[in-house]
Amino acid sequence: TSRRQSGMTDDWPDQNGPPHGSMGGGGQGQFNDGWNNMYRMSEVSATSSGLGFGGGMMPADQNDNPQPGNPSPYNFPEPDVNNGQLPIDDNDQEQEAKYEDFPFDQGGSGPTNVAQHEDDIFQFQEPHLSQTSQDYFNYSDPVEDGEICPLAVRKVIKIMRYFSRVLSAMEPLAQQSGLVDALLYHMTKKPHSVDYEDEISSRVDAIAVVVNLACAEENKIMLVYHPGLLDAIINIANHDPIDEAREHAAIVLMNLAYAEENKVHMVNQDHLLDTLVHLLSDVSPFTRRYASAALFTLACTYANTAVMARHCDGGILEALRKVLLNDPIDEARVNAAEALFNMARNNSDDTVENMGNHPRLLASLAHSVLTDYSADVRAYSARALEWLSADIHHPMPCHRILLKALTTASQWTKTTCIAEALKMQASLSENRKPMVEHPGLLDALAALSLLDGITDDEVKTCAISAIERLSKEASTRHIMVKNEGVMTALTKATFVEDGADDVAPEEGTPNALLMKTALKNLAEHM
């Protein structure tokens, strides 16, 4: 090729626009349009067969500088030579000022050895970007001044949203210096009226990236302690008008709560529990589902249950109770029931007292056991009542409420939870008299003792054991003797054939023997 081509920018003789050349006889490699590509072509070795323009080919032995009187076959204007240098017009000077690193102008005046760069056009060239010591935290200033294309920023965030879904990329992305701060900026940036919809989309995408990053176990602790991130998420969850933004905020809180090291820290954060309570009444069903999931996750830790049970005078308990009874979304109700179960299982004395005394909470659990069409809701509600039965005893004020809830819930016999709870209550002598005197409780035990289904054996055994233990209380035997259901259950179980005897859970004692013992205890008052 010839250096004379270096002066060609826009004027292409006998051509409609820039030509598309090809390398040596085989036509390898198409060149793009534009100024820089022409200088790329000047780097090709002079030993190449040449570049084709308009169907013609430059001879391989063409001299670099055409001789006077020997016009170029391409009708190019003959350049003036001045001391071996081509003249540079004003336009060239402006271009060189704009593009400082021309391919043939690196390191001094005059052309470089183009032969040594013969294959460069087929290789990726690392871009030479100017480095700055400015903190990435302040990258937003050029955006405000219009120096960075807002559309490009939005597209980058959109790309990051999808890229952050890759499991192997989650940890490196979160560890990338300045990335979380950049996301935090767009999450909290106030949208302008001109680009309102686009700014909203960018904010949602930025929160979605944080959602994905919080899925990785390696990122959970780092994110929850990142300055300002948790506060920004709480603010979005409470005040953002966009449903999707609040939904993503709830997912972030849920994901972060799954880390065992984060649970206590999160519960002790200002307004976090208030935020979750607020989200439980959100119009978006997805937001309610994720908020309830965050609560049952936080309730898995013993240190949190007392704080959660007494928060805002039972605000969390009331919010969970309403979701349990009224939410049309199955998963939200399941999460609410599991949250109450976790609080009952990982309880302290304060937790038990607050849950037992909370208005209508135990009754709501019993109602869910009977009426909810989700088996998971029923199971978690029944297990919550079972765990509370292990710690609520006479003369606690809520003991009577618990007995009423157990009596109501005993109609559901798909699990042994309620029967086990009644058996556990009857094990303590201080509970026996209140149990016998409670309306409907003996009838409930008698009904459970008379079950004859294939899958009812364990429930039946627990009920018979409870009746036998209640018969040990001498002061209430006269009440049990007068109960028709109890006497029917005792006599029926006593005369059952030995081969059909069920095995009671206590040291293999047959049910018939338990009933005979109960009848013997009651015989003194018959």
Protein backbone atom coordinates (compact mmCIF):
# COMPACT_ATOMS: atom_id res chain seq x y z
CA THR A 1 0.00 0.00 0.00
CA SER A 2 1.02 3.64 -0.28
CA ARG A 3 1.25 6.40 2.29
CA ARG A 4 -0.65 8.56 -0.14
CA GLN A 5 -3.82 6.92 1.11
CA SER A 6 -3.28 8.50 4.52
CA GLY A 7 -4.61 11.80 3.30
CA MET A 8 -7.92 10.31 2.15
CA THR A 9 -10.83 10.99 4.49
CA ASP A 10 -14.01 11.78 2.65
CA ASP A 11 -13.11 12.32 -1.00
CA TRP A 12 -13.17 9.02 -2.85
CA PRO A 13 -12.62 9.45 -6.63
CA ASP A 14 -15.21 7.70 -8.77
CA GLN A 15 -16.65 5.94 -5.73
CA ASN A 16 -19.95 6.19 -3.91
CA GLY A 17 -18.62 6.27 -0.41
CA PRO A 18 -15.62 4.50 1.08
CA PRO A 19 -14.47 1.37 -0.76
CA HIS A 20 -14.44 -2.12 0.71
CA GLY A 21 -11.07 -3.70 0.10
CA SER A 22 -9.81 -7.21 0.52
CA MET A 23 -6.43 -8.66 1.31
CA GLY A 24 -4.18 -10.27 -1.30
CA GLY A 25 -5.86 -12.11 -4.13
CA GLY A 26 -8.18 -14.15 -1.94
CA GLY A 27 -10.32 -11.33 -0.59
CA GLN A 28 -9.67 -11.99 3.13
CA GLY A 29 -11.11 -9.56 5.64
CA GLN A 30 -13.64 -6.83 4.98
CA PHE A 31 -12.90 -3.34 6.24
CA ASN A 32 -15.45 -1.11 7.91
CA ASP A 33 -16.15 2.44 6.84
CA GLY A 34 -14.55 5.41 8.46
CA TRP A 35 -11.44 7.38 9.13
CA ASN A 36 -9.66 4.96 11.46
CA ASN A 37 -10.06 2.00 9.12
CA MET A 38 -8.16 3.79 6.39
CA TYR A 39 -5.19 4.07 8.68
CA ARG A 40 -5.59 0.42 9.48
CA MET A 41 -5.15 -0.30 5.77
CA SER A 42 -1.90 1.69 5.71
CA GLU A 43 -0.36 -0.79 8.18
CA VAL A 44 -0.53 -3.73 5.82
CA SER A 45 2.88 -4.90 4.63
CA ALA A 46 4.13 -3.66 1.30
CA THR A 47 4.87 -7.26 0.38
CA SER A 48 1.16 -8.04 0.28
CA SER A 49 -0.46 -8.25 -3.06
CA GLY A 50 -2.36 -5.04 -2.32
CA LEU A 51 -5.77 -3.63 -1.59
CA GLY A 52 -8.51 -3.71 -4.18
CA PHE A 53 -10.51 -0.58 -4.87
CA GLY A 54 -13.44 -0.64 -7.19
CA GLY A 55 -12.48 -3.99 -8.61
CA GLY A 56 -8.83 -3.02 -9.30
CA MET A 57 -5.73 -4.32 -7.52
CA MET A 58 -2.57 -2.48 -6.54
CA PRO A 59 0.51 -4.21 -7.93
CA ALA A 60 2.77 -5.83 -5.40
CA ASP A 61 5.81 -3.91 -6.68
CA GLN A 62 4.16 -0.51 -6.54
CA ASN A 63 6.52 2.06 -5.02
CA ASP A 64 5.51 3.78 -1.81
CA ASN A 65 5.83 7.21 -3.42
CA PRO A 66 4.69 7.55 -7.05
CA GLN A 67 7.20 9.10 -9.37
CA PRO A 68 6.47 12.35 -11.09
CA GLY A 69 5.12 11.84 -14.52
CA ASN A 70 3.91 8.36 -13.70
CA PRO A 71 0.34 8.93 -12.71
CA SER A 72 -1.42 6.47 -10.46
CA PRO A 73 -3.78 4.09 -12.20
CA TYR A 74 -6.38 5.06 -9.60
CA ASN A 75 -6.37 8.74 -10.56
CA PHE A 76 -5.39 9.80 -7.06
CA PRO A 77 -4.07 13.36 -6.82
CA GLU A 78 -0.32 13.44 -6.78
CA PRO A 79 0.93 14.58 -3.37
CA ASP A 80 3.57 17.20 -2.81
CA VAL A 81 6.66 15.82 -1.17
CA ASN A 82 8.40 18.05 1.32
CA ASN A 83 11.56 16.59 2.85
CA GLY A 84 10.14 13.12 2.68
CA GLN A 85 6.95 14.13 4.55
CA LEU A 86 3.47 14.41 3.21
CA PRO A 87 1.78 17.76 3.67
CA ILE A 88 -0.87 17.83 6.37
CA ASP A 89 -3.77 20.14 5.92
CA ASP A 90 -5.87 21.75 8.64
CA ASN A 91 -8.35 18.89 8.70
CA ASP A 92 -5.57 16.39 9.27
CA GLN A 93 -4.24 18.43 12.17
CA GLU A 94 -7.66 18.53 13.76
CA GLN A 95 -8.01 14.76 13.40
CA GLU A 96 -4.56 14.14 14.85
CA ALA A 97 -5.43 16.34 17.79
CA LYS A 98 -8.58 14.31 18.34
CA TYR A 99 -6.99 10.90 17.78
CA GLU A 100 -3.56 11.19 19.32
CA ASP A 101 -2.44 7.62 18.77
CA PHE A 102 -2.42 7.10 15.01
CA PRO A 103 -1.21 3.62 14.05
CA PHE A 104 1.68 4.97 11.96
CA ASP A 105 2.55 7.91 14.19
CA GLN A 106 3.52 6.21 17.45
CA GLY A 107 6.85 7.12 18.88
CA GLY A 108 8.07 9.84 16.51
CA SER A 109 7.82 11.40 13.10
CA GLY A 110 7.80 9.50 9.88
CA PRO A 111 6.20 6.22 8.99
CA THR A 112 6.75 3.16 11.12
CA ASN A 113 7.91 -0.12 9.76
CA VAL A 114 4.64 -1.36 8.38
CA ALA A 115 6.04 -4.80 7.69
CA GLN A 116 6.28 -5.63 11.38
CA HIS A 117 2.54 -4.95 11.81
CA GLU A 118 1.44 -7.17 8.96
CA ASP A 119 -0.98 -9.29 10.98
CA ASP A 120 -2.18 -6.64 13.45
CA ILE A 121 -5.49 -6.13 11.70
CA PHE A 122 -6.48 -9.68 12.62
CA GLN A 123 -5.62 -9.32 16.30
CA PHE A 124 -7.50 -7.70 19.15
CA GLN A 125 -5.86 -4.49 20.26
CA GLU A 126 -6.16 -3.63 23.94
CA PRO A 127 -7.78 -0.18 24.20
CA HIS A 128 -5.70 2.56 25.75
CA LEU A 129 -8.08 4.23 28.19
CA SER A 130 -7.02 7.11 30.33
CA GLN A 131 -7.02 6.18 34.00
CA THR A 132 -8.32 8.43 36.72
CA SER A 133 -7.93 8.33 40.44
CA GLN A 134 -11.44 9.63 40.95
CA ASP A 135 -13.49 7.36 43.18
CA TYR A 136 -16.18 5.42 41.36
CA PHE A 137 -18.57 6.74 43.97
CA ASN A 138 -18.61 10.02 42.06
CA TYR A 139 -19.15 8.49 38.67
CA SER A 140 -22.68 9.88 38.70
CA ASP A 141 -21.56 13.49 38.34
CA PRO A 142 -20.87 13.18 34.58
CA VAL A 143 -24.29 11.59 34.20
CA GLU A 144 -25.89 14.63 35.74
CA ASP A 145 -23.88 16.88 33.45
CA GLY A 146 -24.79 14.91 30.35
CA GLU A 147 -21.24 13.71 29.71
CA ILE A 148 -22.30 10.07 29.91
CA CYS A 149 -25.10 8.80 27.73
CA PRO A 150 -28.06 7.94 29.99
CA LEU A 151 -29.26 5.37 27.47
CA ALA A 152 -25.91 3.57 27.64
CA VAL A 153 -26.07 3.52 31.44
CA ARG A 154 -29.57 2.05 31.37
CA LYS A 155 -28.52 -0.62 28.91
CA VAL A 156 -25.50 -1.53 31.01
CA ILE A 157 -27.68 -1.96 34.10
CA LYS A 158 -30.05 -4.12 32.06
CA ILE A 159 -27.16 -6.29 30.94
CA MET A 160 -25.93 -6.55 34.53
CA ARG A 161 -29.38 -7.72 35.60
CA TYR A 162 -29.19 -10.73 33.32
CA PHE A 163 -25.51 -11.33 33.86
CA SER A 164 -26.00 -11.42 37.64
CA ARG A 165 -28.27 -14.44 37.27
CA VAL A 166 -25.26 -16.61 36.43
CA LEU A 167 -24.28 -18.48 39.58
CA SER A 168 -20.56 -18.41 38.85
CA ALA A 169 -20.69 -14.64 38.26
CA MET A 170 -22.55 -13.61 41.42
CA GLU A 171 -19.58 -13.49 43.78
CA PRO A 172 -17.11 -11.82 41.37
CA LEU A 173 -19.69 -9.17 40.53
CA ALA A 174 -20.38 -8.36 44.17
CA GLN A 175 -16.65 -8.16 44.89
CA GLN A 176 -16.03 -5.82 41.95
CA SER A 177 -14.89 -2.49 43.33
CA GLY A 178 -17.55 0.19 43.04
CA LEU A 179 -20.30 -1.99 41.58
CA VAL A 180 -22.52 -2.11 44.67
CA ASP A 181 -22.07 1.63 45.17
CA ALA A 182 -23.08 2.22 41.56
CA LEU A 183 -26.19 0.09 42.03
CA LEU A 184 -26.93 1.90 45.27
CA TYR A 185 -26.75 5.23 43.45
CA HIS A 186 -29.32 4.17 40.86
CA MET A 187 -31.55 2.60 43.52
CA THR A 188 -31.78 5.88 45.39
CA LYS A 189 -31.60 8.30 42.48
CA LYS A 190 -34.61 10.57 42.16
CA PRO A 191 -36.08 10.23 38.66
CA HIS A 192 -36.23 13.27 36.41
CA SER A 193 -39.53 14.27 34.89
CA VAL A 194 -38.11 14.08 31.36
CA ASP A 195 -36.90 10.48 31.55
CA TYR A 196 -39.20 9.34 34.32
CA GLU A 197 -40.11 5.95 32.87
CA ASP A 198 -36.53 5.15 31.92
CA GLU A 199 -35.24 6.13 35.35
CA ILE A 200 -37.88 3.93 36.98
CA SER A 201 -36.78 1.03 34.81
CA SER A 202 -33.14 1.59 35.77
CA ARG A 203 -34.01 1.64 39.45
CA VAL A 204 -35.94 -1.61 39.20
CA ASP A 205 -33.08 -3.21 37.26
CA ALA A 206 -30.53 -2.05 39.84
CA ILE A 207 -32.57 -3.56 42.68
CA ALA A 208 -32.96 -6.76 40.66
CA VAL A 209 -29.17 -7.04 40.36
CA VAL A 210 -28.89 -6.80 44.16
CA VAL A 211 -31.58 -9.50 44.44
CA ASN A 212 -29.49 -11.83 42.30
CA LEU A 213 -26.23 -11.02 44.07
CA ALA A 214 -27.89 -11.72 47.43
CA CYS A 215 -28.65 -15.27 46.29
CA ALA A 216 -25.00 -16.27 46.65
CA GLU A 217 -24.04 -17.38 50.14
CA GLU A 218 -20.66 -15.69 49.77
CA ASN A 219 -22.33 -12.30 49.24
CA LYS A 220 -24.99 -12.26 51.96
CA ILE A 221 -22.82 -11.06 54.83
CA MET A 222 -20.94 -8.53 52.71
CA LEU A 223 -24.15 -7.00 51.37
CA VAL A 224 -25.93 -6.72 54.69
CA TYR A 225 -22.99 -4.77 56.14
CA HIS A 226 -22.39 -2.62 53.04
CA PRO A 227 -22.80 1.03 54.08
CA GLY A 228 -26.20 2.36 53.16
CA LEU A 229 -27.47 -0.70 51.29
CA LEU A 230 -29.85 -2.04 53.95
CA ASP A 231 -31.21 1.44 54.61
CA ALA A 232 -31.84 1.93 50.90
CA ILE A 233 -33.69 -1.38 50.66
CA ILE A 234 -35.84 -0.49 53.67
CA ASN A 235 -36.64 2.90 52.18
CA ILE A 236 -37.67 1.37 48.87
CA ALA A 237 -39.81 -1.24 50.60
CA ASN A 238 -41.67 1.43 52.56
CA HIS A 239 -42.05 4.25 50.07
CA ASP A 240 -41.46 3.17 46.48
CA PRO A 241 -44.64 3.56 44.38
CA ILE A 242 -43.60 0.81 41.96
CA ASP A 243 -44.91 -2.64 42.90
CA GLU A 244 -41.96 -4.43 41.30
CA ALA A 245 -39.46 -2.33 43.24
CA ARG A 246 -41.11 -3.17 46.57
CA GLU A 247 -41.27 -6.81 45.56
CA HIS A 248 -37.54 -6.86 44.82
CA ALA A 249 -36.83 -5.12 48.13
CA ALA A 250 -38.75 -7.85 49.96
CA ILE A 251 -36.75 -10.53 48.12
CA VAL A 252 -33.47 -8.87 49.09
CA LEU A 253 -34.49 -8.89 52.76
CA MET A 254 -35.54 -12.54 52.47
CA ASN A 255 -32.29 -13.58 50.75
CA LEU A 256 -30.12 -11.77 53.26
CA ALA A 257 -32.08 -13.28 56.16
CA TYR A 258 -31.17 -16.81 55.06
CA ALA A 259 -27.59 -16.30 56.24
CA GLU A 260 -27.33 -17.45 59.83
CA GLU A 261 -24.82 -14.71 60.62
CA ASN A 262 -27.26 -12.02 59.46
CA LYS A 263 -30.38 -12.97 61.42
CA VAL A 264 -29.68 -11.26 64.74
CA HIS A 265 -28.10 -8.23 63.07
CA MET A 266 -31.10 -7.67 60.82
CA VAL A 267 -33.67 -7.96 63.59
CA ASN A 268 -31.82 -5.31 65.56
CA GLN A 269 -31.79 -2.85 62.66
CA ASP A 270 -33.98 0.20 63.00
CA HIS A 271 -37.28 -0.06 61.13
CA LEU A 272 -36.52 -3.44 59.52
CA LEU A 273 -39.23 -5.30 61.44
CA ASP A 274 -41.60 -2.38 60.90
CA THR A 275 -40.86 -2.63 57.19
CA LEU A 276 -41.67 -6.35 57.08
CA VAL A 277 -44.94 -5.72 58.92
CA HIS A 278 -45.75 -3.02 56.40
CA LEU A 279 -44.98 -5.34 53.49
CA LEU A 280 -47.33 -8.01 54.85
CA SER A 281 -50.23 -5.74 53.91
CA ASP A 282 -48.84 -4.75 50.50
CA VAL A 283 -51.16 -4.83 47.50
CA SER A 284 -48.74 -7.09 45.64
CA PRO A 285 -49.21 -10.78 46.54
CA PHE A 286 -45.57 -11.47 45.70
CA THR A 287 -44.40 -8.83 48.13
CA ARG A 288 -46.53 -10.32 50.91
CA ARG A 289 -45.18 -13.77 50.16
CA TYR A 290 -41.52 -12.73 50.34
CA ALA A 291 -42.03 -10.58 53.42
CA SER A 292 -43.65 -13.46 55.30
CA ALA A 293 -40.81 -15.72 54.18
CA ALA A 294 -38.29 -13.24 55.59
CA LEU A 295 -40.12 -13.32 58.93
CA PHE A 296 -40.20 -17.11 59.23
CA THR A 297 -36.48 -17.17 58.35
CA LEU A 298 -35.61 -14.61 61.02
CA ALA A 299 -37.72 -16.55 63.55
CA CYS A 300 -35.47 -19.60 63.18
CA THR A 301 -33.05 -18.08 65.70
CA TYR A 302 -33.79 -18.32 69.41
CA ALA A 303 -32.42 -14.84 70.11
CA ASN A 304 -34.91 -13.25 67.72
CA THR A 305 -38.22 -14.76 68.74
CA ALA A 306 -38.74 -12.73 71.92
CA VAL A 307 -37.89 -9.50 70.09
CA MET A 308 -40.27 -10.36 67.28
CA ALA A 309 -43.10 -11.48 69.57
CA ARG A 310 -43.14 -8.26 71.58
CA HIS A 311 -42.34 -5.91 68.70
CA CYS A 312 -44.80 -3.01 68.58
CA ASP A 313 -47.00 -4.67 71.20
CA GLY A 314 -47.52 -7.74 69.09
CA GLY A 315 -47.56 -6.01 65.71
CA ILE A 316 -45.76 -8.88 63.99
CA LEU A 317 -48.02 -11.48 65.57
CA GLU A 318 -51.11 -9.59 64.45
CA ALA A 319 -49.81 -9.13 60.91
CA LEU A 320 -49.00 -12.84 60.63
CA ARG A 321 -52.40 -13.77 62.07
CA LYS A 322 -54.20 -11.69 59.44
CA VAL A 323 -52.16 -13.18 56.63
CA LEU A 324 -52.83 -16.66 58.00
CA LEU A 325 -56.57 -16.13 57.96
CA ASN A 326 -57.21 -13.84 55.02
CA ASP A 327 -54.46 -13.90 52.41
CA PRO A 328 -55.64 -15.50 49.15
CA ILE A 329 -52.10 -16.58 48.23
CA ASP A 330 -51.27 -20.06 49.51
CA GLU A 331 -47.55 -19.43 49.88
CA ALA A 332 -48.14 -16.31 51.93
CA ARG A 333 -50.35 -18.25 54.35
CA VAL A 334 -47.86 -21.12 54.50
CA ASN A 335 -45.04 -18.70 55.31
CA ALA A 336 -47.11 -17.00 58.00
CA ALA A 337 -47.97 -20.34 59.61
CA GLU A 338 -44.32 -21.41 59.48
CA ALA A 339 -43.23 -18.12 61.02
CA LEU A 340 -45.60 -18.67 63.96
CA PHE A 341 -44.39 -22.27 64.25
CA ASN A 342 -40.74 -21.19 64.34
CA MET A 343 -41.52 -18.63 67.01
CA ALA A 344 -43.31 -21.28 69.08
CA ARG A 345 -40.49 -23.80 68.65
CA ASN A 346 -37.56 -21.43 69.33
CA ASN A 347 -39.33 -19.79 72.21
CA SER A 348 -38.37 -18.19 75.46
CA ASP A 349 -40.67 -17.46 78.39
CA ASP A 350 -41.41 -14.02 76.97
CA THR A 351 -42.20 -15.48 73.55
CA VAL A 352 -44.64 -18.02 74.95
CA GLU A 353 -46.38 -15.44 77.10
CA ASN A 354 -46.73 -12.94 74.26
CA MET A 355 -48.01 -15.52 71.83
CA GLY A 356 -50.38 -17.13 74.29
CA ASN A 357 -51.87 -13.82 75.40
CA HIS A 358 -52.12 -12.25 71.96
CA PRO A 359 -55.82 -11.77 71.16
CA ARG A 360 -57.27 -14.46 68.91
CA LEU A 361 -53.88 -15.85 67.87
CA LEU A 362 -54.41 -19.37 69.27
CA ALA A 363 -57.98 -19.39 67.99
CA SER A 364 -56.74 -18.37 64.53
CA LEU A 365 -54.26 -21.23 64.53
CA ALA A 366 -57.03 -23.67 65.41
CA HIS A 367 -59.27 -22.19 62.73
CA SER A 368 -56.55 -22.66 60.11
CA VAL A 369 -56.05 -26.26 61.20
CA LEU A 370 -59.70 -26.95 60.47
CA THR A 371 -60.58 -24.80 57.48
CA ASP A 372 -57.50 -24.02 55.36
CA TYR A 373 -57.40 -26.00 52.14
CA SER A 374 -53.59 -26.01 52.14
CA ALA A 375 -52.18 -29.06 53.90
CA ASP A 376 -49.00 -27.15 54.72
CA VAL A 377 -50.92 -24.38 56.46
CA ARG A 378 -52.80 -26.93 58.53
CA ALA A 379 -49.65 -28.81 59.43
CA TYR A 380 -47.66 -25.76 60.52
CA SER A 381 -50.60 -24.37 62.49
CA ALA A 382 -51.10 -27.68 64.29
CA ARG A 383 -47.40 -27.97 65.08
CA ALA A 384 -47.37 -24.44 66.45
CA LEU A 385 -50.19 -25.38 68.85
CA GLU A 386 -48.32 -28.54 69.82
CA TRP A 387 -45.14 -26.64 70.69
CA LEU A 388 -47.03 -24.01 72.65
CA SER A 389 -48.75 -26.81 74.60
CA ALA A 390 -45.37 -27.88 75.94
CA ASP A 391 -44.89 -24.51 77.66
CA ILE A 392 -48.36 -23.18 78.47
CA HIS A 393 -49.75 -24.72 81.65
CA HIS A 394 -52.18 -23.97 84.44
CA PRO A 395 -52.43 -21.42 86.05
CA MET A 396 -51.15 -19.25 83.17
CA PRO A 397 -53.91 -16.89 81.97
CA CYS A 398 -53.66 -18.21 78.43
CA HIS A 399 -54.00 -21.87 79.43
CA ARG A 400 -57.77 -21.82 79.09
CA ILE A 401 -57.44 -20.25 75.62
CA LEU A 402 -55.00 -23.00 74.62
CA LEU A 403 -57.40 -25.74 75.77
CA LYS A 404 -60.17 -24.20 73.69
CA ALA A 405 -57.93 -24.07 70.64
CA LEU A 406 -56.88 -27.71 71.09
CA THR A 407 -60.49 -28.81 71.51
CA THR A 408 -61.44 -27.09 68.27
CA ALA A 409 -58.43 -28.30 66.31
CA SER A 410 -58.85 -31.93 67.46
CA GLN A 411 -61.36 -32.47 64.67
CA TRP A 412 -58.47 -32.64 62.19
CA THR A 413 -56.87 -36.08 62.51
CA LYS A 414 -54.44 -36.17 59.59
CA THR A 415 -51.50 -35.66 61.96
CA THR A 416 -50.87 -36.54 65.60
CA CYS A 417 -49.99 -32.95 66.58
CA ILE A 418 -53.22 -32.10 68.40
CA ALA A 419 -53.54 -35.54 70.05
CA GLU A 420 -49.91 -35.32 71.17
CA ALA A 421 -50.58 -31.84 72.57
CA LEU A 422 -53.55 -33.14 74.62
CA LYS A 423 -51.48 -36.08 75.85
CA MET A 424 -48.68 -33.72 76.85
CA GLN A 425 -51.08 -31.49 78.74
CA ALA A 426 -52.54 -34.47 80.62
CA SER A 427 -49.05 -35.54 81.72
CA LEU A 428 -48.84 -32.71 84.25
CA SER A 429 -51.05 -33.00 87.30
CA GLU A 430 -51.75 -29.26 87.48
CA ASN A 431 -53.34 -29.40 84.04
CA ARG A 432 -55.69 -32.35 84.59
CA LYS A 433 -58.50 -30.68 86.48
CA PRO A 434 -58.74 -27.70 84.09
CA MET A 435 -58.76 -30.15 81.18
CA VAL A 436 -61.55 -32.32 82.52
CA GLU A 437 -63.62 -29.28 83.43
CA HIS A 438 -63.08 -27.57 80.07
CA PRO A 439 -66.23 -27.74 77.91
CA GLY A 440 -65.98 -30.26 75.08
CA LEU A 441 -62.47 -31.49 75.77
CA LEU A 442 -63.49 -34.94 77.07
CA ASP A 443 -65.81 -35.38 74.09
CA ALA A 444 -62.93 -34.52 71.77
CA LEU A 445 -60.69 -37.14 73.40
CA ALA A 446 -63.47 -39.73 73.25
CA ALA A 447 -63.96 -39.07 69.53
CA LEU A 448 -60.25 -39.49 68.87
CA SER A 449 -60.23 -42.74 70.90
CA LEU A 450 -63.01 -44.22 68.77
CA LEU A 451 -61.27 -43.65 65.43
CA ASP A 452 -60.95 -46.86 63.43
CA GLY A 453 -59.29 -45.76 60.21
CA ILE A 454 -56.19 -47.43 58.85
CA THR A 455 -54.09 -44.31 59.37
CA ASP A 456 -55.63 -43.33 62.71
CA ASP A 457 -53.70 -45.69 64.99
CA GLU A 458 -51.22 -43.14 66.32
CA VAL A 459 -53.88 -40.51 66.91
CA LYS A 460 -56.07 -43.06 68.69
CA THR A 461 -53.20 -44.21 70.90
CA CYS A 462 -52.39 -40.65 71.99
CA ALA A 463 -56.05 -39.98 72.86
CA ILE A 464 -56.38 -43.16 74.93
CA SER A 465 -53.16 -42.30 76.77
CA ALA A 466 -54.53 -38.83 77.56
CA ILE A 467 -57.76 -40.28 78.98
CA GLU A 468 -55.82 -42.75 81.14
CA ARG A 469 -53.69 -39.94 82.56
CA LEU A 470 -56.69 -37.74 83.26
CA SER A 471 -58.30 -40.60 85.20
CA LYS A 472 -55.49 -40.36 87.74
CA GLU A 473 -56.95 -37.10 89.07
CA ALA A 474 -59.28 -38.18 91.87
CA SER A 475 -61.06 -34.83 92.14
CA THR A 476 -62.41 -35.04 88.58
CA ARG A 477 -63.25 -38.74 88.25
CA HIS A 478 -66.92 -38.10 88.93
CA ILE A 479 -67.02 -35.82 85.87
CA MET A 480 -65.36 -38.43 83.63
CA VAL A 481 -67.71 -41.18 84.78
CA LYS A 482 -70.70 -39.12 83.67
CA ASN A 483 -69.26 -38.49 80.20
CA GLU A 484 -70.93 -40.88 77.77
CA GLY A 485 -68.26 -40.63 75.11
CA VAL A 486 -65.43 -41.46 77.50
CA MET A 487 -67.22 -44.49 78.94
CA THR A 488 -68.12 -45.76 75.47
CA ALA A 489 -64.50 -45.48 74.35
CA LEU A 490 -63.25 -47.25 77.48
CA THR A 491 -65.60 -50.20 77.24
CA LYS A 492 -65.10 -50.64 73.49
CA ALA A 493 -61.34 -50.65 73.77
CA THR A 494 -61.41 -53.01 76.75
CA PHE A 495 -63.22 -55.83 74.99
CA VAL A 496 -61.35 -55.59 71.68
CA GLU A 497 -59.65 -58.82 70.63
CA ASP A 498 -56.05 -59.16 71.72
CA GLY A 499 -54.90 -59.66 68.14
CA ALA A 500 -56.26 -56.26 67.18
CA ASP A 501 -54.67 -54.44 70.07
CA ASP A 502 -52.72 -51.38 69.17
CA VAL A 503 -49.39 -50.66 70.76
CA ALA A 504 -49.34 -47.58 72.94
CA PRO A 505 -46.32 -45.32 72.81
CA GLU A 506 -45.39 -45.93 76.45
CA GLU A 507 -43.15 -48.96 76.79
CA GLY A 508 -45.30 -51.01 74.41
CA THR A 509 -48.36 -51.03 76.72
CA PRO A 510 -51.44 -52.24 74.80
CA ASN A 511 -54.36 -49.86 74.48
CA ALA A 512 -56.68 -52.35 76.14
CA LEU A 513 -54.48 -52.37 79.23
CA LEU A 514 -54.51 -48.59 79.35
CA MET A 515 -58.29 -48.55 79.16
CA LYS A 516 -58.59 -51.20 81.89
CA THR A 517 -56.37 -49.05 84.07
CA ALA A 518 -58.56 -46.03 83.40
CA LEU A 519 -61.73 -48.01 84.18
CA LYS A 520 -60.20 -49.23 87.40
CA ASN A 521 -59.40 -45.64 88.40
CA LEU A 522 -62.96 -44.55 87.63
CA ALA A 523 -64.66 -47.59 89.19
CA GLU A 524 -64.47 -46.08 92.66
CA HIS A 525 -66.97 -43.42 91.57
CA MET A 526 -69.24 -45.59 89.44
